[in-house]
Protein backbone atom coordinates (compact mmCIF):
# COMPACT_ATOMS: atom_id res chain seq x y z
CA MET A 1 0.00 0.00 0.00
CA ASN A 2 1.37 3.42 -0.91
CA PHE A 3 1.02 5.61 2.20
CA LYS A 4 2.71 8.59 0.55
CA GLY A 5 0.00 8.76 -2.10
CA CYS A 6 -2.74 8.26 0.47
CA LYS A 7 -1.26 10.96 2.72
CA SER A 8 -1.03 13.51 -0.11
CA LEU A 9 -4.57 12.62 -1.19
CA LEU A 10 -5.81 13.28 2.35
CA ILE A 11 -3.90 16.57 2.53
CA SER A 12 -5.22 17.77 -0.83
CA THR A 13 -8.78 16.74 0.14
CA PHE A 14 -8.44 18.65 3.41
CA LEU A 15 -7.11 21.75 1.61
CA VAL A 16 -9.94 21.71 -0.94
CA ALA A 17 -12.52 21.24 1.84
CA SER A 18 -10.94 24.07 3.85
CA MET A 19 -10.95 26.42 0.88
CA GLY A 20 -14.58 25.53 0.15
CA ALA A 21 -15.55 26.20 3.77
CA ALA A 22 -13.69 29.51 3.77
CA THR A 23 -15.41 30.54 0.55
CA ALA A 24 -18.83 29.51 1.88
CA ALA A 25 -18.25 31.50 5.07
CA THR A 26 -17.79 34.72 3.08
CA ILE A 27 -21.04 34.41 1.14
CA VAL A 28 -23.53 37.04 2.28
CA ARG A 29 -27.19 36.09 1.92
CA PRO A 30 -30.11 38.51 2.16
CA ALA A 31 -32.58 37.98 4.98
CA THR A 32 -35.87 36.48 3.90
CA PHE A 33 -38.97 38.65 3.80
CA PRO A 34 -41.62 37.87 6.40
CA PRO A 35 -44.74 35.98 5.28
CA VAL A 36 -47.67 38.04 4.03
CA PRO A 37 -50.32 38.41 6.74
CA GLU A 38 -53.71 36.92 5.96
CA SER A 39 -55.91 39.39 4.04
CA TRP A 40 -53.03 41.81 3.42
CA ASN A 41 -51.90 42.68 -0.10
CA VAL A 42 -48.37 42.31 -1.36
CA SER A 43 -46.69 43.86 -4.38
CA ILE A 44 -43.13 43.64 -5.61
CA LEU A 45 -41.41 46.41 -7.50
CA GLY A 46 -37.74 45.84 -8.24
CA ASN A 47 -36.00 45.12 -4.95
CA THR A 48 -38.89 46.42 -2.81
CA VAL A 49 -41.67 44.31 -1.34
CA GLU A 50 -44.70 46.29 -0.19
CA TYR A 51 -47.26 44.95 2.25
CA SER A 52 -50.52 46.90 2.59
CA SER A 53 -53.42 46.40 4.94
CA PRO A 54 -56.75 45.29 3.48
CA THR A 55 -58.99 47.77 1.74
CA ASN A 56 -62.74 47.82 1.25
CA LEU A 57 -64.51 49.81 -1.46
CA LYS A 58 -67.20 50.94 0.98
CA THR A 59 -65.41 51.60 4.27
CA GLN A 60 -61.63 51.66 3.71
CA LYS A 61 -60.59 52.73 0.20
CA THR A 62 -56.92 53.21 1.03
CA PRO A 63 -54.79 50.99 3.25
CA LYS A 64 -54.43 52.09 6.89
CA THR A 65 -50.89 50.72 6.94
CA VAL A 66 -48.21 50.21 4.31
CA VAL A 67 -44.88 48.58 5.11
CA ARG A 68 -42.10 48.60 2.48
CA PHE A 69 -39.07 46.34 2.74
CA THR A 70 -36.16 47.15 0.44
CA TYR A 71 -32.89 45.27 0.09
CA SER A 72 -30.08 46.68 -1.97
CA LYS A 73 -26.47 45.92 -2.76
CA ARG A 74 -26.17 49.30 -4.51
CA THR A 75 -25.33 51.80 -1.80
CA ASN A 76 -22.83 53.94 -3.73
CA SER A 77 -20.22 53.11 -1.05
CA LYS A 78 -22.48 54.55 1.68
CA ASP A 79 -22.85 52.94 5.09
CA ALA A 80 -26.10 52.90 7.09
CA LYS A 81 -25.35 56.25 8.74
CA ALA A 82 -24.90 57.95 5.35
CA VAL A 83 -28.02 56.27 3.91
CA ILE A 84 -30.28 57.29 6.83
CA SER A 85 -28.81 60.81 6.90
CA GLU A 86 -29.55 61.27 3.20
CA TYR A 87 -33.04 59.79 3.62
CA ALA A 88 -33.74 62.10 6.59
CA LYS A 89 -32.57 65.15 4.68
CA THR A 90 -34.55 64.28 1.54
CA ASN A 91 -37.76 63.49 3.45
CA SER A 92 -37.57 66.21 6.15
CA CYS A 93 -37.20 63.66 8.95
CA LYS A 94 -36.17 64.18 12.54
CA THR A 95 -32.56 63.43 13.48
CA PRO A 96 -31.89 59.70 13.01
CA LYS A 97 -31.35 57.60 16.13
CA LEU A 98 -28.62 54.99 16.47
CA HIS A 99 -29.80 51.68 17.94
CA GLY A 100 -26.77 49.52 17.20
CA LYS A 101 -23.88 49.27 14.81
CA GLY A 102 -25.28 50.05 11.34
CA PHE A 103 -28.83 50.19 12.78
CA TYR A 104 -30.75 53.50 12.63
CA THR A 105 -34.34 54.77 12.75
CA ALA A 106 -35.89 58.10 11.84
CA SER A 107 -39.37 59.58 12.02
CA CYS A 108 -40.60 61.77 9.20
CA PRO A 109 -43.75 63.51 10.52
CA ASN A 110 -44.22 65.69 7.41
CA SER A 111 -44.59 62.66 5.16
CA GLY A 112 -46.04 60.33 7.80
CA VAL A 113 -43.27 57.77 7.37
CA ASP A 114 -41.04 56.05 9.89
CA VAL A 115 -37.91 54.41 8.54
CA VAL A 116 -35.42 51.79 9.72
CA VAL A 117 -32.04 51.37 8.01
CA ILE A 118 -29.80 48.42 8.83
CA GLY A 119 -26.68 47.40 6.99
CA GLU A 120 -23.21 47.91 5.71
CA VAL A 121 -21.73 49.20 2.47
CA SER A 122 -23.15 47.23 -0.50
CA ASN A 123 -25.58 45.34 1.76
CA MET A 124 -28.44 47.55 2.99
CA TYR A 125 -31.96 47.01 4.31
CA THR A 126 -34.55 49.80 4.48
CA ILE A 127 -37.95 49.42 6.12
CA GLU A 128 -40.58 52.15 5.74
CA LEU A 129 -43.88 52.28 7.60
CA THR A 130 -46.63 54.61 6.45
CA GLY A 131 -49.90 54.90 8.34
CA SER A 132 -50.92 53.34 11.62
CA TYR A 133 -48.87 51.10 13.85
CA ASP A 134 -51.03 48.09 14.37
CA LYS A 135 -50.04 44.73 15.82
CA ILE A 136 -49.61 43.17 12.39
CA ALA A 137 -47.30 45.93 11.12
CA ILE A 138 -45.21 45.83 14.30
CA ASN A 139 -44.89 42.03 14.04
CA LEU A 140 -43.90 42.29 10.36
CA ILE A 141 -41.20 44.83 11.12
CA ASN A 142 -39.90 43.03 14.21
CA THR A 143 -39.79 39.70 12.36
CA TYR A 144 -37.81 41.23 9.50
CA VAL A 145 -35.43 43.17 11.76
CA ASN A 146 -34.74 40.02 13.79
CA SER A 147 -34.22 38.05 10.58
CA ILE A 148 -31.75 40.68 9.38
CA ILE A 149 -29.77 41.06 12.60
CA ASN A 150 -29.79 37.42 13.70
CA GLY A 151 -29.52 35.85 10.26
CA LYS A 152 -26.61 33.63 9.41
CA ARG A 153 -24.26 35.27 6.92
CA THR A 154 -26.47 38.33 6.52
CA PHE A 155 -23.49 40.67 6.90
CA ASP A 156 -19.73 40.44 6.46
CA ASP A 157 -19.47 42.50 9.68
CA ARG A 158 -21.01 40.25 12.34
CA ASP A 159 -21.42 43.21 14.73
CA ILE A 160 -24.15 44.90 12.65
CA GLY A 161 -27.13 45.54 14.92
CA GLU A 162 -25.13 45.09 18.12
CA LYS A 163 -25.23 47.88 20.72
CA VAL A 164 -22.40 50.36 20.37
CA PRO A 165 -20.96 52.45 23.20
CA SER A 166 -21.13 55.80 21.38
CA GLU A 167 -23.01 57.66 18.66
CA ASP A 168 -20.12 57.17 16.23
CA ASP A 169 -20.46 54.11 14.09
């Protein structure tokens, strides 16, 4: 039996497996969108999924609540702080609040929108809520935020969403 050949075969198999594992570890996968609540409507436009509360031609012609989930790899080299700052400026929002590394919220009373931005450069999630905060909308947003922050391989930087000691990100 040729042990030299067997040993080099084992070493090369180990190296290939190690390289494959290292490559797989660097793959970033988007978080999955939450399921559509019963009776709610869903529409998809590009990289945005919009959930809207039920309407009724007689009593409720427009949705009470609209939640938009957007995922984008095109951030023009902007991090979450830059994205939320630009959003706040464009939409006349209040000063964004930091909740964790790469995790911001802002309220835009003039347009009636609240926004959440979570992410890193070239890997950004934006959640917009228009209308009323009902239990379903809150559960949708919380489910998606938890999926983003706690998801496996959602970010290259594993600290995204974690509490940070200061306002500087």
